[in-house]
Amino acid sequence: MNATDLQRLAGHLRNHGLRVVAVEPELRLHATHPQHGLLTEEIVAGGGRYVTSLFYEIGERGREKVCADRIARLLAVSSPITAGAL
């Protein structure tokens, strides 16, 4: 797993409206609900998987959008708005 995979996951998380901070040089992200700073999750990349700070497995490399959807549900944010939904 590399930093590009994590950047892709970060982009999908931002599409959900989450605030995302990458922790360098480790393969780790901090995602925070934009209105409720206590709702936060740390996502670690390793072994081809994404895992939360509470050891909840979010998904695997290559499925960053699905992983972001799961994290968004954990942090109680809505799905991103798409042009077709308007």
N, C-alpha and C. Protein backbone atom coordinates (compact mmCIF):
# COMPACT_ATOMS: atom_id res chain seq x y z
N MET A 1 0.86 -1.17 0.00
CA MET A 1 0.00 0.00 0.00
C MET A 1 0.90 1.22 0.00
N ASN A 2 0.48 2.25 -0.71
CA ASN A 2 1.31 3.46 -0.78
C ASN A 2 0.49 4.70 -0.47
N ALA A 3 1.19 5.83 -0.46
CA ALA A 3 0.54 7.10 -0.11
C ALA A 3 -0.54 7.48 -1.12
N THR A 4 -0.42 7.07 -2.36
CA THR A 4 -1.43 7.39 -3.38
C THR A 4 -2.78 6.76 -3.03
N ASP A 5 -2.75 5.53 -2.54
CA ASP A 5 -4.00 4.87 -2.11
C ASP A 5 -4.65 5.65 -0.99
N LEU A 6 -3.85 6.08 -0.04
CA LEU A 6 -4.37 6.85 1.09
C LEU A 6 -4.90 8.20 0.64
N GLN A 7 -4.24 8.83 -0.33
CA GLN A 7 -4.72 10.10 -0.87
C GLN A 7 -6.06 9.91 -1.58
N ARG A 8 -6.21 8.80 -2.26
CA ARG A 8 -7.48 8.50 -2.93
C ARG A 8 -8.59 8.33 -1.89
N LEU A 9 -8.30 7.61 -0.80
CA LEU A 9 -9.27 7.45 0.28
C LEU A 9 -9.61 8.80 0.89
N ALA A 10 -8.60 9.63 1.11
CA ALA A 10 -8.82 10.97 1.68
C ALA A 10 -9.74 11.79 0.78
N GLY A 11 -9.56 11.72 -0.52
CA GLY A 11 -10.42 12.44 -1.45
C GLY A 11 -11.86 12.00 -1.35
N HIS A 12 -12.09 10.70 -1.26
CA HIS A 12 -13.46 10.19 -1.11
C HIS A 12 -14.08 10.62 0.21
N LEU A 13 -13.26 10.64 1.26
CA LEU A 13 -13.76 11.10 2.56
C LEU A 13 -14.15 12.58 2.49
N ARG A 14 -13.35 13.38 1.82
CA ARG A 14 -13.67 14.81 1.66
C ARG A 14 -14.94 15.00 0.85
N ASN A 15 -15.19 14.11 -0.11
CA ASN A 15 -16.44 14.18 -0.88
C ASN A 15 -17.66 13.99 0.02
N HIS A 16 -17.47 13.31 1.13
CA HIS A 16 -18.55 13.14 2.12
C HIS A 16 -18.66 14.34 3.05
N GLY A 17 -17.75 15.29 2.91
CA GLY A 17 -17.79 16.48 3.75
C GLY A 17 -16.96 16.36 5.01
N LEU A 18 -16.20 15.29 5.14
CA LEU A 18 -15.36 15.11 6.32
C LEU A 18 -14.09 15.94 6.21
N ARG A 19 -13.58 16.38 7.35
CA ARG A 19 -12.26 17.01 7.40
C ARG A 19 -11.24 15.89 7.52
N VAL A 20 -10.21 15.93 6.70
CA VAL A 20 -9.23 14.85 6.67
C VAL A 20 -7.82 15.42 6.78
N VAL A 21 -7.04 14.81 7.66
CA VAL A 21 -5.64 15.17 7.83
C VAL A 21 -4.82 13.90 7.65
N ALA A 22 -3.82 13.97 6.78
CA ALA A 22 -2.90 12.85 6.60
C ALA A 22 -1.74 13.00 7.56
N VAL A 23 -1.34 11.89 8.17
CA VAL A 23 -0.21 11.89 9.09
C VAL A 23 0.98 11.27 8.36
N GLU A 24 1.99 12.07 8.17
CA GLU A 24 3.20 11.62 7.47
C GLU A 24 4.27 11.29 8.49
N PRO A 25 5.16 10.42 8.25
CA PRO A 25 5.31 9.59 7.06
C PRO A 25 4.50 8.30 7.14
N GLU A 26 3.74 8.15 8.23
CA GLU A 26 2.94 6.94 8.41
C GLU A 26 1.76 6.92 7.43
N LEU A 27 1.29 5.74 7.13
CA LEU A 27 0.11 5.61 6.28
C LEU A 27 -1.12 5.65 7.18
N ARG A 28 -1.51 6.89 7.54
CA ARG A 28 -2.59 7.08 8.50
C ARG A 28 -3.35 8.36 8.18
N LEU A 29 -4.68 8.32 8.37
CA LEU A 29 -5.54 9.49 8.18
C LEU A 29 -6.35 9.74 9.45
N HIS A 30 -6.67 11.00 9.68
CA HIS A 30 -7.63 11.37 10.72
C HIS A 30 -8.81 12.00 10.00
N ALA A 31 -9.99 11.42 10.15
CA ALA A 31 -11.22 11.95 9.55
C ALA A 31 -12.11 12.45 10.67
N THR A 32 -12.65 13.66 10.51
CA THR A 32 -13.46 14.28 11.55
C THR A 32 -14.74 14.84 10.95
N HIS A 33 -15.85 14.65 11.67
CA HIS A 33 -17.14 15.22 11.27
C HIS A 33 -16.98 16.74 11.29
N PRO A 34 -17.44 17.44 10.27
CA PRO A 34 -17.20 18.88 10.17
C PRO A 34 -17.90 19.72 11.24
N GLN A 35 -18.99 19.23 11.81
CA GLN A 35 -19.73 20.00 12.79
C GLN A 35 -19.62 19.46 14.21
N HIS A 36 -19.08 18.27 14.34
CA HIS A 36 -18.98 17.63 15.65
C HIS A 36 -17.56 17.06 15.80
N GLY A 37 -16.66 17.89 16.29
CA GLY A 37 -15.26 17.53 16.38
C GLY A 37 -14.95 16.30 17.21
N LEU A 38 -15.88 15.88 18.06
CA LEU A 38 -15.65 14.67 18.85
C LEU A 38 -15.88 13.40 18.03
N LEU A 39 -16.58 13.54 16.91
CA LEU A 39 -16.79 12.40 16.02
C LEU A 39 -15.60 12.33 15.07
N THR A 40 -14.66 11.50 15.42
CA THR A 40 -13.43 11.41 14.64
C THR A 40 -13.00 9.95 14.56
N GLU A 41 -12.27 9.65 13.53
CA GLU A 41 -11.78 8.28 13.35
C GLU A 41 -10.39 8.35 12.75
N GLU A 42 -9.54 7.48 13.23
CA GLU A 42 -8.20 7.33 12.67
C GLU A 42 -8.21 6.09 11.80
N ILE A 43 -7.71 6.22 10.59
CA ILE A 43 -7.67 5.11 9.66
C ILE A 43 -6.21 4.81 9.36
N VAL A 44 -5.83 3.56 9.56
CA VAL A 44 -4.47 3.13 9.33
C VAL A 44 -4.46 2.21 8.11
N ALA A 45 -3.45 2.38 7.27
CA ALA A 45 -3.28 1.53 6.10
C ALA A 45 -2.14 0.56 6.36
N GLY A 46 -2.41 -0.70 6.11
CA GLY A 46 -1.35 -1.69 6.29
C GLY A 46 -1.78 -3.05 5.81
N GLY A 47 -0.86 -3.75 5.19
CA GLY A 47 -1.17 -5.10 4.74
C GLY A 47 -2.27 -5.16 3.70
N GLY A 48 -2.44 -4.10 2.93
CA GLY A 48 -3.47 -4.08 1.91
C GLY A 48 -4.87 -3.82 2.44
N ARG A 49 -4.99 -3.44 3.73
CA ARG A 49 -6.28 -3.20 4.36
C ARG A 49 -6.30 -1.84 5.02
N TYR A 50 -7.51 -1.32 5.23
CA TYR A 50 -7.74 -0.11 6.01
C TYR A 50 -8.43 -0.52 7.30
N VAL A 51 -7.89 -0.04 8.43
CA VAL A 51 -8.40 -0.41 9.74
C VAL A 51 -8.53 0.86 10.58
N THR A 52 -9.61 0.94 11.38
CA THR A 52 -9.79 2.10 12.26
C THR A 52 -8.94 1.95 13.52
N SER A 53 -8.89 3.01 14.30
CA SER A 53 -8.12 3.00 15.55
C SER A 53 -8.69 1.99 16.55
N LEU A 54 -9.95 1.61 16.38
CA LEU A 54 -10.56 0.61 17.26
C LEU A 54 -10.51 -0.79 16.64
N PHE A 55 -9.62 -0.97 15.65
CA PHE A 55 -9.39 -2.25 14.99
C PHE A 55 -10.59 -2.76 14.20
N TYR A 56 -11.44 -1.83 13.76
CA TYR A 56 -12.56 -2.18 12.89
C TYR A 56 -12.06 -2.16 11.46
N GLU A 57 -12.12 -3.29 10.78
CA GLU A 57 -11.62 -3.35 9.40
C GLU A 57 -12.62 -2.69 8.47
N ILE A 58 -12.16 -1.67 7.77
CA ILE A 58 -13.01 -0.89 6.86
C ILE A 58 -13.06 -1.49 5.47
N GLY A 59 -11.96 -2.04 5.00
CA GLY A 59 -11.94 -2.61 3.66
C GLY A 59 -10.53 -2.78 3.15
N GLU A 60 -10.45 -3.04 1.86
CA GLU A 60 -9.17 -3.36 1.27
C GLU A 60 -8.73 -2.34 0.23
N ARG A 61 -7.45 -2.36 -0.03
CA ARG A 61 -6.85 -1.48 -1.04
C ARG A 61 -7.56 -1.70 -2.38
N GLY A 62 -7.78 -0.59 -3.08
CA GLY A 62 -8.47 -0.65 -4.36
C GLY A 62 -9.96 -0.41 -4.24
N ARG A 63 -10.47 -0.38 -3.04
CA ARG A 63 -11.90 -0.16 -2.79
C ARG A 63 -12.08 1.06 -1.89
N GLU A 64 -11.34 2.12 -2.21
CA GLU A 64 -11.32 3.31 -1.36
C GLU A 64 -12.68 3.98 -1.25
N LYS A 65 -13.46 4.00 -2.33
CA LYS A 65 -14.77 4.65 -2.26
C LYS A 65 -15.69 3.91 -1.29
N VAL A 66 -15.70 2.61 -1.35
CA VAL A 66 -16.51 1.80 -0.44
C VAL A 66 -16.04 2.02 1.00
N CYS A 67 -14.74 2.06 1.19
CA CYS A 67 -14.19 2.31 2.53
C CYS A 67 -14.63 3.68 3.05
N ALA A 68 -14.57 4.69 2.18
CA ALA A 68 -14.99 6.04 2.58
C ALA A 68 -16.47 6.06 2.94
N ASP A 69 -17.29 5.34 2.20
CA ASP A 69 -18.72 5.26 2.52
C ASP A 69 -18.94 4.68 3.92
N ARG A 70 -18.17 3.65 4.25
CA ARG A 70 -18.30 3.02 5.58
C ARG A 70 -17.87 3.97 6.68
N ILE A 71 -16.77 4.66 6.46
CA ILE A 71 -16.28 5.62 7.46
C ILE A 71 -17.28 6.75 7.65
N ALA A 72 -17.85 7.23 6.55
CA ALA A 72 -18.85 8.30 6.64
C ALA A 72 -20.05 7.85 7.47
N ARG A 73 -20.47 6.61 7.30
CA ARG A 73 -21.57 6.09 8.12
C ARG A 73 -21.18 6.02 9.59
N LEU A 74 -19.95 5.60 9.87
CA LEU A 74 -19.48 5.55 11.25
C LEU A 74 -19.48 6.93 11.90
N LEU A 75 -19.17 7.95 11.10
CA LEU A 75 -19.10 9.31 11.63
C LEU A 75 -20.39 10.10 11.41
N ALA A 76 -21.43 9.41 10.99
CA ALA A 76 -22.77 9.99 10.86
C ALA A 76 -22.84 11.19 9.93
N VAL A 77 -22.22 11.07 8.77
CA VAL A 77 -22.39 12.10 7.74
C VAL A 77 -23.13 11.48 6.57
N SER A 78 -23.81 12.31 5.81
CA SER A 78 -24.61 11.82 4.70
C SER A 78 -23.72 11.48 3.51
N SER A 79 -24.31 10.78 2.58
CA SER A 79 -23.62 10.45 1.34
C SER A 79 -23.40 11.70 0.52
N PRO A 80 -22.37 11.68 -0.33
CA PRO A 80 -22.12 12.85 -1.17
C PRO A 80 -23.27 13.06 -2.14
N ILE A 81 -23.54 14.30 -2.47
CA ILE A 81 -24.59 14.63 -3.43
C ILE A 81 -24.03 14.46 -4.83
N THR A 82 -24.75 13.75 -5.66
CA THR A 82 -24.33 13.59 -7.05
C THR A 82 -25.27 14.37 -7.94
N ALA A 83 -24.81 14.68 -9.12
CA ALA A 83 -25.61 15.48 -10.06
C ALA A 83 -26.93 14.78 -10.39
N GLY A 84 -26.91 13.45 -10.47
CA GLY A 84 -28.13 12.70 -10.79
C GLY A 84 -29.16 12.71 -9.68
N ALA A 85 -28.73 13.04 -8.47
CA ALA A 85 -29.66 13.02 -7.34
C ALA A 85 -30.42 14.33 -7.20
N LEU A 86 -30.01 15.36 -7.89
CA LEU A 86 -30.66 16.67 -7.77
C LEU A 86 -31.89 16.76 -8.57
